């Protein structure tokens, strides 16, 4: 949760997009629905395991409602929801249920890290990566695929910004830890490192040729 607050302070430009009422999108209502469903799933007085066992159908329905909100959100609304919801807690509390067809955790993360990745801002991608790290990447068989897809879908200056923001969150969930500790597959690690190298060379080429991208890049803090 604290990563969202840290990154939101960096996104004053994005804040101008938050008032989406004029676009006909009741974004505050969507966020309230997510938080309400999460509260129903994460009962303070009942452990999650017991709650899932006692109220299986109810929990499944609430998880489905959360996924539907993210699924139906337009790009601006989607990025708002990612920045303002407790995404790490959502990834943890929404389960892949063994006895049901609802693989809800996988479905939610697939939605954000794969299906809608092109709609995510750099800040949203950082938040999703952070939520995956909190969830403990080695514990999930698909987590490395999600991380790989997020990073490979991010290029050039956006990739530099992704790394900078990941390293600037004020905790130990940095890019170095992500690549060298959380990622266990040497093949995936090399793919990611090669991607960083390739994109840095593209950036260097722009700087040498003094392109428009190079001028824009020279204005960035990093």
Protein backbone atom coordinates (compact mmCIF):
# COMPACT_ATOMS: atom_id res chain seq x y z
CA UNK A 1 0.00 0.00 0.00
CA UNK A 2 2.77 2.45 0.88
CA UNK A 3 4.27 2.11 -2.61
CA UNK A 4 1.13 3.66 -4.07
CA UNK A 5 1.50 6.68 -1.80
CA UNK A 6 5.20 7.05 -2.64
CA UNK A 7 4.57 6.91 -6.35
CA UNK A 8 1.50 9.13 -6.25
CA UNK A 9 3.66 11.97 -4.96
CA UNK A 10 5.65 11.66 -8.19
CA UNK A 11 2.62 11.75 -10.43
CA UNK A 12 1.15 15.24 -10.19
CA UNK A 13 0.67 15.24 -13.94
CA UNK A 14 -1.30 12.03 -13.72
CA UNK A 15 -3.41 13.55 -10.95
CA UNK A 16 -5.03 15.84 -13.50
CA UNK A 17 -6.52 12.72 -15.09
CA UNK A 18 -8.12 11.54 -11.90
CA UNK A 19 -11.30 13.63 -12.09
CA UNK A 20 -13.00 11.38 -14.60
CA UNK A 21 -16.56 12.28 -13.72
CA UNK A 22 -16.68 14.59 -16.73
CA UNK A 23 -15.98 11.55 -18.90
CA UNK A 24 -18.95 9.73 -17.46
CA UNK A 25 -16.81 7.29 -15.49
CA UNK A 26 -17.83 7.05 -11.80
CA UNK A 27 -14.27 6.23 -10.81
CA UNK A 28 -14.74 6.83 -7.08
CA UNK A 29 -17.64 4.38 -7.12
CA UNK A 30 -15.49 1.76 -8.84
CA UNK A 31 -12.75 2.18 -6.25
CA UNK A 32 -15.31 2.00 -3.45
CA UNK A 33 -16.67 -1.24 -4.92
CA UNK A 34 -13.19 -2.77 -4.98
CA UNK A 35 -12.56 -1.74 -1.36
CA UNK A 36 -15.97 -3.01 -0.26
CA UNK A 37 -15.43 -6.41 -1.91
CA UNK A 38 -11.94 -6.61 -0.41
CA UNK A 39 -13.36 -5.93 3.06
CA UNK A 40 -15.88 -8.73 2.56
CA UNK A 41 -13.08 -11.11 1.57
CA UNK A 42 -10.60 -9.95 4.22
CA UNK A 43 -12.71 -10.27 7.36
CA UNK A 44 -10.82 -8.93 10.38
CA UNK A 45 -12.34 -11.41 12.82
CA UNK A 46 -12.23 -14.47 10.55
CA UNK A 47 -8.98 -15.90 9.10
CA UNK A 48 -9.01 -15.95 5.29
CA UNK A 49 -8.66 -19.74 5.10
CA UNK A 50 -11.72 -20.27 7.29
CA UNK A 51 -13.69 -17.52 5.55
CA UNK A 52 -12.97 -19.11 2.17
CA UNK A 53 -14.14 -22.48 3.48
CA UNK A 54 -17.34 -21.24 5.15
CA UNK A 55 -18.39 -18.67 2.57
CA UNK A 56 -17.02 -20.14 -0.66
CA UNK A 57 -19.69 -18.93 -3.06
CA UNK A 58 -19.80 -15.49 -1.47
CA UNK A 59 -16.01 -15.11 -1.67
CA UNK A 60 -15.93 -16.29 -5.29
CA UNK A 61 -18.60 -13.76 -6.21
CA UNK A 62 -16.75 -10.90 -4.51
CA UNK A 63 -13.48 -11.84 -6.20
CA UNK A 64 -15.26 -11.92 -9.55
CA UNK A 65 -16.72 -8.46 -8.90
CA UNK A 66 -13.23 -7.04 -8.26
CA UNK A 67 -11.87 -8.56 -11.46
CA UNK A 68 -14.84 -7.20 -13.41
CA UNK A 69 -14.18 -3.65 -12.21
CA UNK A 70 -10.58 -3.79 -13.48
CA UNK A 71 -11.70 -5.58 -16.62
CA UNK A 72 -14.30 -3.00 -17.60
CA UNK A 73 -12.25 0.09 -16.70
CA UNK A 74 -11.09 2.40 -19.48
CA UNK A 75 -7.32 3.14 -19.56
CA UNK A 76 -7.41 6.33 -17.45
CA UNK A 77 -9.75 4.76 -14.92
CA UNK A 78 -7.67 1.58 -14.87
CA UNK A 79 -4.49 3.47 -13.99
CA UNK A 80 -6.34 5.39 -11.29
CA UNK A 81 -7.62 2.14 -9.77
CA UNK A 82 -4.16 0.56 -9.80
CA UNK A 83 -2.64 3.61 -8.10
CA UNK A 84 -5.32 3.91 -5.42
CA UNK A 85 -6.29 0.32 -4.60
CA UNK A 86 -4.31 -1.91 -2.24
CA UNK A 87 -3.00 -4.01 -5.10
CA UNK A 88 -0.54 -6.08 -3.07
CA UNK A 89 -3.31 -7.06 -0.67
CA UNK A 90 -5.65 -7.82 -3.58
CA UNK A 91 -3.07 -10.15 -5.14
CA UNK A 92 -2.68 -11.88 -1.77
CA UNK A 93 -6.34 -12.18 -0.77
CA UNK A 94 -7.78 -13.15 -4.16
CA UNK A 95 -7.08 -16.86 -4.54
CA UNK A 96 -6.69 -19.52 -7.18
CA UNK A 97 -9.30 -21.91 -5.81
CA UNK A 98 -8.33 -25.56 -6.21
CA UNK A 99 -11.87 -26.91 -5.97
CA UNK A 100 -13.40 -24.42 -8.37
CA UNK A 101 -12.89 -23.32 -11.94
CA UNK A 102 -12.19 -19.80 -10.69
CA UNK A 103 -8.46 -19.25 -10.90
CA UNK A 104 -9.11 -15.70 -9.82
CA UNK A 105 -5.63 -14.59 -8.74
CA UNK A 106 -4.13 -15.75 -12.03
CA UNK A 107 -6.98 -14.14 -13.94
CA UNK A 108 -6.53 -10.76 -12.22
CA UNK A 109 -2.76 -10.63 -12.65
CA UNK A 110 -2.98 -11.86 -16.25
CA UNK A 111 -5.43 -9.04 -16.89
CA UNK A 112 -3.05 -6.36 -15.57
CA UNK A 113 0.35 -7.78 -16.52
CA UNK A 114 -0.55 -9.21 -19.94
CA UNK A 115 -3.94 -8.34 -21.44
CA UNK A 116 -4.01 -4.66 -20.47
CA UNK A 117 -0.27 -4.00 -20.17
CA UNK A 118 -0.30 -1.59 -23.13
CA UNK A 119 -2.80 0.59 -21.24
CA UNK A 120 -0.69 0.85 -18.11
CA UNK A 121 1.42 3.92 -17.40
CA UNK A 122 4.99 3.43 -16.18
CA UNK A 123 3.87 4.18 -12.62
CA UNK A 124 1.13 1.55 -12.84
CA UNK A 125 3.64 -1.00 -14.13
CA UNK A 126 5.89 -0.26 -11.15
CA UNK A 127 2.96 -0.77 -8.77
CA UNK A 128 2.06 -4.11 -10.39
CA UNK A 129 5.70 -5.25 -10.19
CA UNK A 130 5.83 -4.24 -6.54
CA UNK A 131 2.64 -6.15 -5.78
CA UNK A 132 4.17 -9.23 -7.43
CA UNK A 133 7.31 -8.88 -5.31
CA UNK A 134 5.26 -8.61 -2.13
CA UNK A 135 3.38 -11.75 -3.19
CA UNK A 136 6.76 -13.55 -3.33
CA UNK A 137 7.55 -14.29 -6.97
CA UNK A 138 9.29 -17.68 -6.44
CA UNK A 139 6.10 -19.01 -4.81
CA UNK A 140 4.01 -18.63 -7.97
CA UNK A 141 4.80 -20.59 -11.12
CA UNK A 142 3.54 -17.85 -13.46
CA UNK A 143 5.06 -14.88 -11.65
CA UNK A 144 8.29 -14.87 -13.67
CA UNK A 145 6.23 -14.82 -16.86
CA UNK A 146 4.29 -11.78 -15.59
CA UNK A 147 7.47 -9.94 -14.60
CA UNK A 148 9.07 -10.78 -17.93
CA UNK A 149 6.07 -9.49 -19.87
CA UNK A 150 5.88 -6.21 -17.95
CA UNK A 151 9.57 -5.43 -18.41
CA UNK A 152 9.80 -6.53 -22.06
CA UNK A 153 6.74 -4.41 -22.85
CA UNK A 154 8.54 -1.34 -21.49
CA UNK A 155 11.16 0.29 -23.69
CA UNK A 156 13.79 3.03 -23.87
CA UNK A 157 13.10 6.01 -21.58
CA UNK A 158 10.03 4.33 -20.12
CA UNK A 159 12.26 1.42 -19.10
CA UNK A 160 14.72 3.81 -17.45
CA UNK A 161 11.84 5.42 -15.57
CA UNK A 162 10.52 2.00 -14.57
CA UNK A 163 13.88 1.08 -13.06
CA UNK A 164 14.31 4.48 -11.39
CA UNK A 165 10.89 4.36 -9.74
CA UNK A 166 11.33 0.72 -8.72
CA UNK A 167 14.60 1.65 -6.99
CA UNK A 168 13.19 4.83 -5.40
CA UNK A 169 10.29 3.37 -3.42
CA UNK A 170 12.09 3.53 -0.10
CA UNK A 171 12.14 -0.22 0.54
CA UNK A 172 14.30 -3.16 -0.46
CA UNK A 173 12.08 -4.30 -3.34
CA UNK A 174 14.43 -2.81 -5.93
CA UNK A 175 15.14 -3.83 -9.52
CA UNK A 176 18.38 -5.54 -8.50
CA UNK A 177 16.52 -7.76 -6.02
CA UNK A 178 13.83 -8.46 -8.60
CA UNK A 179 16.26 -9.67 -11.26
CA UNK A 180 18.95 -11.35 -9.18
CA UNK A 181 16.96 -12.80 -6.26
CA UNK A 182 13.26 -13.02 -7.09
CA UNK A 183 13.79 -14.37 -10.60
CA UNK A 184 15.08 -17.94 -10.23
CA UNK A 185 15.25 -18.88 -13.91
CA UNK A 186 18.63 -18.05 -15.43
CA UNK A 187 17.01 -17.99 -18.86
CA UNK A 188 14.45 -15.37 -17.83
CA UNK A 189 17.15 -13.36 -16.04
CA UNK A 190 19.30 -13.24 -19.19
CA UNK A 191 16.30 -12.24 -21.31
CA UNK A 192 15.65 -9.31 -18.97
CA UNK A 193 19.30 -8.23 -18.81
CA UNK A 194 19.57 -8.41 -22.61
CA UNK A 195 16.46 -6.26 -22.88
CA UNK A 196 17.96 -3.59 -20.62
CA UNK A 197 21.18 -3.68 -22.67
CA UNK A 198 19.37 -3.46 -26.01
CA UNK A 199 17.19 -0.54 -24.92
CA UNK A 200 20.17 1.34 -23.46
CA UNK A 201 21.95 1.05 -26.81
CA UNK A 202 18.89 2.47 -28.57
CA UNK A 203 18.95 5.38 -26.12
CA UNK A 204 22.66 5.94 -26.78
CA UNK A 205 22.02 5.97 -30.52
CA UNK A 206 19.36 8.65 -30.08
CA UNK A 207 21.77 10.73 -28.01
CA UNK A 208 24.51 10.46 -30.63
CA UNK A 209 22.15 11.44 -33.43
CA UNK A 210 20.63 14.24 -31.31
CA UNK A 211 17.08 13.20 -32.14
CA UNK A 212 13.90 14.66 -30.65
CA UNK A 213 13.82 11.77 -28.21
CA UNK A 214 17.34 12.68 -27.12
CA UNK A 215 16.29 16.27 -26.42
CA UNK A 216 13.35 15.08 -24.37
CA UNK A 217 15.58 12.64 -22.53
CA UNK A 218 18.07 15.37 -21.61
CA UNK A 219 15.29 17.13 -19.71
CA UNK A 220 14.70 14.19 -17.40
CA UNK A 221 16.18 14.07 -13.90
CA UNK A 222 18.08 10.88 -14.67
